[in-house]
Amino acid sequence: MKDLSQVVRKALVTERFAKLRERDNKFIFEVHPDANKHEVRQAIELYFGVKVLDVRTMNVVGKVKRLGRYQGKRADWKKAIVTLAAGENIDLFDQV
């Protein structure tokens, strides 16, 4: 994974993540499954212009779902919890 424009896919906004943002200055993103912590850090710092202190990543396994007799599986994906330095903020989340 070398192209930083494809690392961050979307920002995740839920009530739980809003509490993390207010309390600990942590922001959550869906990232490319092949991206590592260094690439996530570089992409966030480049595109949002903030100082990243810590990046934690986790692979989320898609659930198996049924509709009648048919069975399918949701896609696996990766999320990253990014901790910003004190006083830093991403304006994208203030509008939500």
C-alpha atoms as a PDB file:
ATOM      1  CA  MET A   1       0.000   0.000   0.000  1.00  0.00           C
ATOM      2  CA  LYS A   2       1.866   3.070  -1.191  1.00  0.00           C
ATOM      3  CA  ASP A   3      -0.833   5.497  -2.387  1.00  0.00           C
ATOM      4  CA  LEU A   4      -1.882   7.512   0.689  1.00  0.00           C
ATOM      5  CA  SER A   5      -5.013   8.831  -1.017  1.00  0.00           C
ATOM      6  CA  GLN A   6      -6.576   5.359  -0.796  1.00  0.00           C
ATOM      7  CA  VAL A   7      -5.672   4.603   2.825  1.00  0.00           C
ATOM      8  CA  VAL A   8      -8.565   6.386   4.587  1.00  0.00           C
ATOM      9  CA  ARG A   9     -11.930   5.302   3.195  1.00  0.00           C
ATOM     10  CA  LYS A  10     -14.407   7.085   5.466  1.00  0.00           C
ATOM     11  CA  ALA A  11     -14.895   8.518   8.921  1.00  0.00           C
ATOM     12  CA  LEU A  12     -17.069   6.548  11.321  1.00  0.00           C
ATOM     13  CA  VAL A  13     -19.601   8.500  13.376  1.00  0.00           C
ATOM     14  CA  THR A  14     -21.521   6.799  16.182  1.00  0.00           C
ATOM     15  CA  GLU A  15     -22.490   7.798  19.719  1.00  0.00           C
ATOM     16  CA  ARG A  16     -19.718   5.669  21.176  1.00  0.00           C
ATOM     17  CA  PHE A  17     -17.112   7.248  18.926  1.00  0.00           C
ATOM     18  CA  ALA A  18     -18.438  10.727  19.752  1.00  0.00           C
ATOM     19  CA  LYS A  19     -17.737  10.058  23.433  1.00  0.00           C
ATOM     20  CA  LEU A  20     -14.185   8.938  22.598  1.00  0.00           C
ATOM     21  CA  ARG A  21     -13.666  12.078  20.538  1.00  0.00           C
ATOM     22  CA  GLU A  22     -14.813  14.392  23.336  1.00  0.00           C
ATOM     23  CA  ARG A  23     -13.114  12.572  26.213  1.00  0.00           C
ATOM     24  CA  ASP A  24      -9.832  11.308  24.741  1.00  0.00           C
ATOM     25  CA  ASN A  25      -9.424  13.255  21.455  1.00  0.00           C
ATOM     26  CA  LYS A  26      -9.646  10.002  19.458  1.00  0.00           C
ATOM     27  CA  PHE A  27     -11.060   9.761  15.943  1.00  0.00           C
ATOM     28  CA  ILE A  28     -12.185   6.584  14.164  1.00  0.00           C
ATOM     29  CA  PHE A  29     -11.813   5.842  10.449  1.00  0.00           C
ATOM     30  CA  GLU A  30     -12.467   2.934   8.120  1.00  0.00           C
ATOM     31  CA  VAL A  31      -9.176   2.260   6.343  1.00  0.00           C
ATOM     32  CA  HIS A  32      -7.950   0.050   3.524  1.00  0.00           C
ATOM     33  CA  PRO A  33      -7.419  -3.546   4.735  1.00  0.00           C
ATOM     34  CA  ASP A  34      -3.816  -3.599   3.503  1.00  0.00           C
ATOM     35  CA  ALA A  35      -2.848  -0.306   5.200  1.00  0.00           C
ATOM     36  CA  ASN A  36      -0.548  -0.427   8.203  1.00  0.00           C
ATOM     37  CA  LYS A  37      -0.252   1.976  11.145  1.00  0.00           C
ATOM     38  CA  HIS A  38       2.523   4.039   9.571  1.00  0.00           C
ATOM     39  CA  GLU A  39       0.515   4.638   6.406  1.00  0.00           C
ATOM     40  CA  VAL A  40      -2.603   5.575   8.387  1.00  0.00           C
ATOM     41  CA  ARG A  41      -0.566   8.073  10.434  1.00  0.00           C
ATOM     42  CA  GLN A  42       0.985   9.621   7.315  1.00  0.00           C
ATOM     43  CA  ALA A  43      -2.387   9.885   5.531  1.00  0.00           C
ATOM     44  CA  ILE A  44      -4.162  11.540   8.494  1.00  0.00           C
ATOM     45  CA  GLU A  45      -1.323  14.008   9.042  1.00  0.00           C
ATOM     46  CA  LEU A  46      -1.117  14.835   5.344  1.00  0.00           C
ATOM     47  CA  TYR A  47      -4.810  15.289   4.557  1.00  0.00           C
ATOM     48  CA  PHE A  48      -6.064  16.825   7.817  1.00  0.00           C
ATOM     49  CA  GLY A  49      -2.939  18.742   8.890  1.00  0.00           C
ATOM     50  CA  VAL A  50      -2.897  17.448  12.473  1.00  0.00           C
ATOM     51  CA  LYS A  51      -0.301  15.806  14.748  1.00  0.00           C
ATOM     52  CA  VAL A  52      -1.054  12.119  15.406  1.00  0.00           C
ATOM     53  CA  LEU A  53       0.174  10.622  18.684  1.00  0.00           C
ATOM     54  CA  ASP A  54      -1.063   7.040  18.370  1.00  0.00           C
ATOM     55  CA  VAL A  55      -2.754   4.733  15.868  1.00  0.00           C
ATOM     56  CA  ARG A  56      -4.532   1.523  16.799  1.00  0.00           C
ATOM     57  CA  THR A  57      -5.906  -0.732  14.095  1.00  0.00           C
ATOM     58  CA  MET A  58      -8.240  -3.698  14.184  1.00  0.00           C
ATOM     59  CA  ASN A  59      -9.672  -6.076  11.637  1.00  0.00           C
ATOM     60  CA  VAL A  60     -13.451  -6.416  11.809  1.00  0.00           C
ATOM     61  CA  VAL A  61     -14.780  -9.759  10.603  1.00  0.00           C
ATOM     62  CA  GLY A  62     -18.000  -9.554   8.575  1.00  0.00           C
ATOM     63  CA  LYS A  63     -21.061 -11.310   9.951  1.00  0.00           C
ATOM     64  CA  VAL A  64     -22.808 -14.205   8.280  1.00  0.00           C
ATOM     65  CA  LYS A  65     -26.353 -13.149   7.394  1.00  0.00           C
ATOM     66  CA  ARG A  66     -29.385 -15.087   6.165  1.00  0.00           C
ATOM     67  CA  LEU A  67     -32.394 -14.124   4.109  1.00  0.00           C
ATOM     68  CA  GLY A  68     -34.746 -17.079   4.039  1.00  0.00           C
ATOM     69  CA  ARG A  69     -32.822 -20.064   2.798  1.00  0.00           C
ATOM     70  CA  TYR A  70     -30.021 -17.972   1.306  1.00  0.00           C
ATOM     71  CA  GLN A  71     -26.896 -17.254   3.252  1.00  0.00           C
ATOM     72  CA  GLY A  72     -24.294 -14.580   2.629  1.00  0.00           C
ATOM     73  CA  LYS A  73     -21.464 -12.813   4.392  1.00  0.00           C
ATOM     74  CA  ARG A  74     -20.787  -9.145   4.941  1.00  0.00           C
ATOM     75  CA  ALA A  75     -17.367  -7.927   3.893  1.00  0.00           C
ATOM     76  CA  ASP A  76     -14.411  -7.893   6.284  1.00  0.00           C
ATOM     77  CA  TRP A  77     -12.989  -4.421   6.932  1.00  0.00           C
ATOM     78  CA  LYS A  78     -10.388  -2.591   8.977  1.00  0.00           C
ATOM     79  CA  LYS A  79     -10.807   0.342  11.339  1.00  0.00           C
ATOM     80  CA  ALA A  80      -8.265   2.655  12.898  1.00  0.00           C
ATOM     81  CA  ILE A  81      -8.534   4.633  16.122  1.00  0.00           C
ATOM     82  CA  VAL A  82      -6.329   7.708  15.817  1.00  0.00           C
ATOM     83  CA  THR A  83      -5.291   9.706  18.894  1.00  0.00           C
ATOM     84  CA  LEU A  84      -4.452  13.345  18.200  1.00  0.00           C
ATOM     85  CA  ALA A  85      -2.183  15.663  20.174  1.00  0.00           C
ATOM     86  CA  ALA A  86      -3.754  18.014  22.726  1.00  0.00           C
ATOM     87  CA  GLY A  87      -5.337  21.015  21.044  1.00  0.00           C
ATOM     88  CA  GLU A  88      -5.570  19.303  17.641  1.00  0.00           C
ATOM     89  CA  ASN A  89      -8.953  18.746  16.009  1.00  0.00           C
ATOM     90  CA  ILE A  90     -10.401  17.503  12.729  1.00  0.00           C
ATOM     91  CA  ASP A  91     -13.087  19.898  11.522  1.00  0.00           C
ATOM     92  CA  LEU A  92     -14.868  17.145   9.599  1.00  0.00           C
ATOM     93  CA  PHE A  93     -16.363  15.815  12.836  1.00  0.00           C
ATOM     94  CA  ASP A  94     -17.597  19.187  14.129  1.00  0.00           C
ATOM     95  CA  GLN A  95     -20.261  19.364  11.432  1.00  0.00           C
ATOM     96  CA  VAL A  96     -21.956  16.139  12.528  1.00  0.00           C
END
